[in-house]
Amino acid sequence: MIVLGVESSCDETGLAVYDTDVGLRAHAVHSQVGMHAEYGGVVPELASRDHIRRVIPLTRQVLRMAGLELADLDAVAYTQGPGLAGALLVGAGYACALAAALEIPALGVHHLEGHLLSPLLAQPRPDFPFIALLVSGGHTQLMRVDGVGRYALLGETVDDAAGEAFDKTAQLLGLDYPGGPALARLAEAGEDGRFRLPRPMLHSGDLDFSFSGLKTAVLTLTKKEGEEARADIAAGFQAAVVDVLAGKCLAALAQTGLRRLVIAGGVGANRALRARLDAEAARAGFSVFHPPLELCTDNGAMIAYAGAMRLGGRTSADGRFAVRPRWDLASLEPA
């Protein structure tokens, strides 16, 4: 089965072709970062308009890269939610119209399920069951994953997501949008031992997270230490977040008895987090799986793959045109 994946939930337009016989055949992403930088964040109306401009050229690009024609497609998978309503409507409308024209199924995919399954696109790939840390700008969750659609929430943030905390802290430090990657780059030039920032809920006894207090600590420290301490403050902030994320992952593995950990979502590209978890895995004897860096951020490959797993060779889907800007991952049914 050859599936075209369409991702348009926020500020990246992603198209991909996944073949259940040979794997990922092609994918391409257009990022809107440059467009939104002027405004310091994503402007939903501009995001939607840019998705309209990009989705057809990117479709042609990935089909050309894969050596395929539209007629070779067996299904179209698209991000149905969660995300920005207008942006989702662009991808959903395009995918459903294309599928109707080709008389093939269209299937709506949960954006976070795409992220959860994205490490399965790499080698080596984890076997089920595993613990997944879903860590992005909008979500920080620990899940037990027993199969496609078989997810149990173990813990989540009670306030800011980790990626959101990175972005807001970057603003406090006067860094340009997108703040998270800018802060991580600044942290590499700093000394993480100079400032010991709080590790919220690290020893709370559960698997929940909290990062809002870190922003307050950074604000206080920035006012006290001034501009010249920015790199060291960034390093201290990043070290605190990494400590909390790693600590909760270890606690989840211990609680469940599982020995496989999957990292998914945009913050999964953070080099300090990857290095820490790799070191913990080597020390404690568990396996950790990261998606390729290019598949950490939003992309069509994860949507095409999740769609292929959901279809499971079926040649029909309900094809209903709908988006779900708010959609609980735990509400999904097993594939």
Protein backbone atom coordinates (compact mmCIF):
# COMPACT_ATOMS: atom_id res chain seq x y z
CA MET A 1 0.00 0.00 0.00
CA ILE A 2 1.32 3.45 -0.97
CA VAL A 3 0.09 6.28 1.26
CA LEU A 4 0.48 10.02 0.77
CA GLY A 5 0.79 11.84 4.11
CA VAL A 6 -0.30 15.48 4.54
CA GLU A 7 0.70 17.44 7.66
CA SER A 8 -0.57 21.01 8.19
CA SER A 9 -1.37 21.31 11.89
CA CYS A 10 0.64 24.44 12.63
CA ASP A 11 3.59 26.12 10.89
CA GLU A 12 5.10 23.33 8.80
CA THR A 13 3.66 21.93 5.60
CA GLY A 14 4.78 18.31 5.33
CA LEU A 15 4.17 15.84 2.50
CA ALA A 16 5.47 12.29 2.30
CA VAL A 17 5.02 8.97 0.53
CA TYR A 18 5.14 5.79 2.61
CA ASP A 19 5.14 2.34 1.01
CA THR A 20 4.26 -0.59 3.28
CA ASP A 21 6.51 -2.85 1.18
CA VAL A 22 9.68 -0.70 1.07
CA GLY A 23 9.23 1.97 3.76
CA LEU A 24 9.50 5.75 3.47
CA ARG A 25 10.03 6.64 -0.17
CA ALA A 26 10.14 10.43 0.03
CA HIS A 27 9.26 13.34 2.27
CA ALA A 28 9.58 17.12 2.19
CA VAL A 29 8.79 19.87 4.68
CA HIS A 30 8.36 23.60 4.24
CA SER A 31 8.88 25.54 7.48
CA GLN A 32 7.17 28.89 8.04
CA VAL A 33 9.66 29.97 10.71
CA GLY A 34 11.04 32.84 8.64
CA MET A 35 7.57 34.22 7.96
CA HIS A 36 6.43 34.13 11.59
CA ALA A 37 9.72 35.40 13.07
CA GLU A 38 8.70 38.99 12.40
CA TYR A 39 5.74 38.54 14.75
CA GLY A 40 7.52 36.56 17.46
CA GLY A 41 5.20 33.57 17.09
CA VAL A 42 2.79 31.75 14.81
CA VAL A 43 0.05 33.88 13.21
CA PRO A 44 -2.75 31.39 12.44
CA GLU A 45 -4.18 33.22 9.40
CA LEU A 46 -0.75 33.53 7.79
CA ALA A 47 -0.04 29.88 8.54
CA SER A 48 -3.23 28.75 6.79
CA ARG A 49 -2.56 30.88 3.72
CA ASP A 50 0.97 29.53 3.41
CA HIS A 51 -0.22 25.92 3.65
CA ILE A 52 -2.49 26.64 0.67
CA ARG A 53 0.49 27.89 -1.35
CA ARG A 54 2.75 24.96 -0.48
CA VAL A 55 0.68 21.78 -0.39
CA ILE A 56 0.35 21.14 -4.13
CA PRO A 57 3.99 21.91 -5.07
CA LEU A 58 5.19 19.70 -2.20
CA THR A 59 2.93 16.88 -3.37
CA ARG A 60 4.46 17.07 -6.81
CA GLN A 61 7.94 17.18 -5.26
CA VAL A 62 7.57 14.05 -3.13
CA LEU A 63 5.92 12.08 -5.94
CA ARG A 64 8.79 13.04 -8.22
CA MET A 65 11.33 12.05 -5.56
CA ALA A 66 9.57 8.70 -5.11
CA GLY A 67 9.30 8.08 -8.85
CA LEU A 68 5.52 7.84 -8.64
CA GLU A 69 2.38 9.36 -10.14
CA LEU A 70 -0.87 10.31 -8.43
CA ALA A 71 -2.44 7.21 -9.92
CA ASP A 72 0.00 5.04 -7.95
CA LEU A 73 -1.41 6.17 -4.60
CA ASP A 74 -3.61 3.78 -2.63
CA ALA A 75 -4.67 6.18 0.15
CA VAL A 76 -4.19 9.69 1.54
CA ALA A 77 -3.62 10.28 5.27
CA TYR A 78 -3.90 13.76 6.74
CA THR A 79 -3.56 15.39 10.14
CA GLN A 80 -7.09 15.71 11.49
CA GLY A 81 -6.02 17.23 14.82
CA PRO A 82 -5.05 18.57 17.22
CA GLY A 83 -3.75 21.87 15.88
CA LEU A 84 -4.78 25.25 14.49
CA ALA A 85 -8.29 24.93 13.04
CA GLY A 86 -7.60 26.90 9.86
CA ALA A 87 -4.32 25.14 9.18
CA LEU A 88 -5.91 21.73 9.72
CA LEU A 89 -8.73 22.61 7.33
CA VAL A 90 -6.25 23.27 4.53
CA GLY A 91 -4.65 19.82 4.81
CA ALA A 92 -7.95 18.02 5.42
CA GLY A 93 -9.71 19.73 2.54
CA TYR A 94 -6.87 19.04 0.13
CA ALA A 95 -6.44 15.41 1.22
CA CYS A 96 -10.13 14.57 1.05
CA ALA A 97 -10.58 16.28 -2.33
CA LEU A 98 -7.54 14.51 -3.78
CA ALA A 99 -8.70 11.15 -2.45
CA ALA A 100 -12.19 11.67 -3.85
CA ALA A 101 -10.77 12.57 -7.27
CA LEU A 102 -8.57 9.46 -7.25
CA GLU A 103 -11.32 7.28 -5.75
CA ILE A 104 -9.08 6.12 -2.92
CA PRO A 105 -9.62 6.33 0.87
CA ALA A 106 -8.76 9.40 2.93
CA LEU A 107 -7.96 8.85 6.60
CA GLY A 108 -7.64 11.45 9.37
CA VAL A 109 -4.67 10.87 11.67
CA HIS A 110 -4.02 12.12 15.21
CA HIS A 111 -1.00 14.42 15.10
CA LEU A 112 0.42 13.09 18.37
CA GLU A 113 0.00 9.48 17.27
CA GLY A 114 2.17 10.39 14.30
CA HIS A 115 4.86 11.66 16.66
CA LEU A 116 4.55 8.60 18.92
CA LEU A 117 5.06 6.24 16.00
CA SER A 118 7.75 8.25 14.19
CA PRO A 119 10.68 6.33 15.77
CA LEU A 120 9.34 3.24 13.98
CA LEU A 121 10.49 4.87 10.74
CA ALA A 122 14.14 4.57 11.85
CA GLN A 123 16.49 1.66 12.34
CA PRO A 124 16.77 0.06 14.79
CA ARG A 125 13.08 0.33 15.56
CA PRO A 126 11.53 -0.44 18.93
CA ASP A 127 9.22 -3.37 19.52
CA PHE A 128 5.99 -2.93 21.46
CA PRO A 129 5.48 -2.35 24.33
CA PHE A 130 7.55 0.72 25.20
CA ILE A 131 7.47 3.93 27.21
CA ALA A 132 7.17 7.06 25.08
CA LEU A 133 8.13 10.56 26.14
CA LEU A 134 6.13 12.88 23.92
CA VAL A 135 7.80 16.24 24.34
CA SER A 136 7.02 19.23 22.15
CA GLY A 137 5.91 22.85 22.19
CA GLY A 138 2.37 21.90 23.13
CA HIS A 139 2.68 18.57 24.92
CA THR A 140 4.77 16.84 27.55
CA GLN A 141 3.41 13.38 28.28
CA LEU A 142 4.65 9.97 29.31
CA MET A 143 2.74 7.15 27.64
CA ARG A 144 2.80 3.40 27.79
CA VAL A 145 2.48 2.18 24.19
CA ASP A 146 1.35 -1.43 23.69
CA GLY A 147 0.51 -1.11 20.00
CA VAL A 148 -1.02 1.22 17.45
CA GLY A 149 -3.89 2.94 19.24
CA ARG A 150 -3.13 1.20 22.54
CA TYR A 151 -1.91 4.10 24.67
CA ALA A 152 -2.05 4.60 28.42
CA LEU A 153 -1.25 8.03 29.86
CA LEU A 154 1.20 7.73 32.76
CA GLY A 155 1.88 11.40 33.41
CA GLU A 156 1.71 14.84 31.81
CA THR A 157 2.50 18.46 32.48
CA VAL A 158 0.24 20.33 34.86
CA ASP A 159 1.09 23.68 33.26
CA ASP A 160 3.56 24.54 30.48
CA ALA A 161 4.87 21.91 28.11
CA ALA A 162 8.66 21.60 27.97
CA GLY A 163 8.87 23.16 24.52
CA GLU A 164 6.60 25.99 25.60
CA ALA A 165 8.86 26.60 28.61
CA PHE A 166 11.88 26.74 26.29
CA ASP A 167 10.15 29.30 24.05
CA LYS A 168 8.92 31.50 26.90
CA THR A 169 12.29 31.40 28.66
CA ALA A 170 13.98 32.36 25.40
CA GLN A 171 11.74 35.43 25.28
CA LEU A 172 12.78 36.36 28.81
CA LEU A 173 16.41 36.13 27.66
CA GLY A 174 15.73 38.35 24.65
CA LEU A 175 16.25 35.61 22.05
CA ASP A 176 14.62 35.62 18.63
CA TYR A 177 11.82 33.31 17.47
CA PRO A 178 11.86 30.30 17.38
CA GLY A 179 13.01 30.49 20.96
CA GLY A 180 13.62 26.84 21.87
CA PRO A 181 16.42 26.12 19.36
CA ALA A 182 17.92 29.57 20.02
CA LEU A 183 18.05 28.89 23.76
CA ALA A 184 19.63 25.47 23.21
CA ARG A 185 22.35 27.04 21.05
CA LEU A 186 23.00 29.72 23.67
CA ALA A 187 23.15 27.09 26.41
CA GLU A 188 26.02 25.35 24.61
CA ALA A 189 28.12 28.45 25.21
CA GLY A 190 27.20 28.64 28.90
CA GLU A 191 28.23 26.95 32.14
CA ASP A 192 25.36 24.86 33.45
CA GLY A 193 26.85 24.61 36.94
CA ARG A 194 26.94 28.36 37.62
CA PHE A 195 23.23 28.69 38.39
CA ARG A 196 21.29 25.86 40.02
CA LEU A 197 17.68 26.34 38.98
CA PRO A 198 14.71 24.41 40.47
CA ARG A 199 13.80 20.92 39.25
CA PRO A 200 9.98 21.15 39.62
CA MET A 201 8.21 17.93 40.63
CA LEU A 202 11.34 15.84 40.09
CA HIS A 203 10.69 14.02 43.37
CA SER A 204 6.88 14.36 43.43
CA GLY A 205 6.34 10.60 43.52
CA ASP A 206 4.25 10.62 40.35
CA LEU A 207 5.00 10.97 36.65
CA ASP A 208 3.60 14.48 36.12
CA PHE A 209 5.65 17.52 35.10
CA SER A 210 5.65 21.25 35.83
CA PHE A 211 7.79 23.88 34.13
CA SER A 212 6.08 27.22 34.83
CA GLY A 213 8.12 27.81 38.00
CA LEU A 214 11.32 27.58 36.00
CA LYS A 215 10.29 30.64 33.98
CA THR A 216 9.80 32.62 37.19
CA ALA A 217 13.23 31.55 38.44
CA VAL A 218 14.82 32.62 35.15
CA LEU A 219 13.05 35.99 35.25
CA THR A 220 14.31 36.66 38.78
CA LEU A 221 17.83 35.55 37.91
CA THR A 222 17.94 37.60 34.71
CA LYS A 223 16.95 40.77 36.54
CA LYS A 224 19.62 40.11 39.15
CA GLU A 225 22.52 39.00 36.93
CA GLY A 226 21.95 41.03 33.77
CA GLU A 227 22.68 40.52 30.09
CA GLU A 228 26.19 39.12 30.50
CA ALA A 229 24.88 36.03 32.33
CA ARG A 230 22.44 34.99 29.61
CA ALA A 231 24.44 31.98 28.36
CA ASP A 232 24.96 30.58 31.86
CA ILE A 233 21.28 31.10 32.71
CA ALA A 234 20.27 29.32 29.49
CA ALA A 235 22.59 26.45 30.36
CA GLY A 236 21.16 26.22 33.86
CA PHE A 237 17.61 26.24 32.54
CA GLN A 238 18.30 23.54 29.97
CA ALA A 239 20.06 21.38 32.56
CA ALA A 240 17.04 21.65 34.86
CA VAL A 241 14.59 20.63 32.12
CA VAL A 242 16.78 17.73 31.03
CA ASP A 243 17.11 16.53 34.65
CA VAL A 244 13.33 16.51 35.09
CA LEU A 245 12.60 14.80 31.77
CA ALA A 246 15.26 12.15 32.31
CA GLY A 247 14.23 11.57 35.90
CA LYS A 248 10.59 11.02 35.01
CA CYS A 249 11.53 8.68 32.14
CA LEU A 250 13.60 6.56 34.51
CA ALA A 251 10.75 6.52 37.01
CA ALA A 252 8.29 5.41 34.29
CA LEU A 253 10.57 2.55 33.25
CA ALA A 254 10.95 1.45 36.86
CA GLN A 255 7.21 1.68 37.53
CA THR A 256 6.22 -0.38 34.47
CA GLY A 257 9.18 -2.75 34.30
CA LEU A 258 9.64 -1.97 30.61
CA ARG A 259 13.13 -1.64 29.10
CA ARG A 260 12.45 0.37 25.96
CA LEU A 261 12.11 4.17 25.87
CA VAL A 262 11.03 6.16 22.82
CA ILE A 263 11.49 9.93 22.53
CA ALA A 264 9.15 11.79 20.19
CA GLY A 265 8.30 15.40 19.38
CA GLY A 266 10.25 18.55 18.60
CA VAL A 267 12.12 18.78 21.91
CA GLY A 268 13.39 15.28 21.16
CA ALA A 269 15.88 16.99 18.83
CA ASN A 270 17.57 18.70 21.81
CA ARG A 271 21.15 17.44 21.88
CA ALA A 272 21.53 17.72 25.66
CA LEU A 273 18.42 15.61 26.22
CA ARG A 274 19.54 12.99 23.70
CA ALA A 275 23.01 12.75 25.25
CA ARG A 276 21.61 12.44 28.78
CA LEU A 277 19.13 9.70 27.91
CA ASP A 278 21.73 7.79 25.89
CA ALA A 279 24.05 7.94 28.91
CA GLU A 280 21.29 6.78 31.27
CA ALA A 281 20.44 3.92 28.91
CA ALA A 282 24.06 2.77 28.83
CA ARG A 283 24.29 2.98 32.62
CA ALA A 284 20.98 1.32 33.49
CA GLY A 285 20.80 -1.19 30.65
CA PHE A 286 17.65 -0.12 28.84
CA SER A 287 17.24 0.84 25.18
CA VAL A 288 16.39 4.36 24.00
CA PHE A 289 15.08 5.18 20.54
CA HIS A 290 15.12 8.61 18.92
CA PRO A 291 13.52 9.50 15.59
CA PRO A 292 15.93 11.00 13.05
CA LEU A 293 16.37 14.74 13.64
CA GLU A 294 14.47 15.54 10.46
CA LEU A 295 11.45 13.63 11.80
CA CYS A 296 11.36 15.24 15.26
CA THR A 297 9.50 18.33 14.10
CA ASP A 298 6.14 18.16 12.31
CA ASN A 299 6.35 16.20 9.05
CA GLY A 300 4.28 14.27 6.57
CA ALA A 301 6.27 11.05 7.00
CA MET A 302 4.85 10.35 10.44
CA ILE A 303 1.32 11.01 9.17
CA ALA A 304 1.76 8.74 6.16
CA TYR A 305 3.16 5.99 8.38
CA ALA A 306 0.44 6.30 11.04
CA GLY A 307 -2.17 6.29 8.28
CA ALA A 308 -0.69 3.15 6.73
CA MET A 309 -0.71 1.40 10.11
CA ARG A 310 -4.31 2.45 10.70
CA LEU A 311 -5.49 1.33 7.27
CA GLY A 312 -3.67 -2.00 7.61
CA GLY A 313 -4.19 -2.83 3.94
CA ARG A 314 -7.86 -1.81 3.88
CA THR A 315 -8.98 -0.05 0.72
CA SER A 316 -11.74 2.00 2.33
CA ALA A 317 -12.10 4.63 5.04
CA ASP A 318 -15.03 6.79 6.09
CA GLY A 319 -13.63 9.75 4.09
CA ARG A 320 -15.55 12.27 6.17
CA PHE A 321 -14.25 15.81 5.92
CA ALA A 322 -13.62 16.94 9.48
CA VAL A 323 -10.93 18.43 11.69
CA ARG A 324 -10.48 18.17 15.44
CA PRO A 325 -8.43 21.10 16.80
CA ARG A 326 -8.75 19.52 20.26
CA TRP A 327 -8.45 15.76 20.35
CA ASP A 328 -7.47 13.58 23.30
CA LEU A 329 -4.90 10.96 22.30
CA ALA A 330 -6.26 8.53 24.89
CA SER A 331 -9.62 8.51 23.06
CA LEU A 332 -8.15 6.65 20.06
CA GLU A 333 -9.26 3.10 19.38
CA PRO A 334 -6.73 0.34 18.67
CA ALA A 335 -5.91 -0.15 14.99
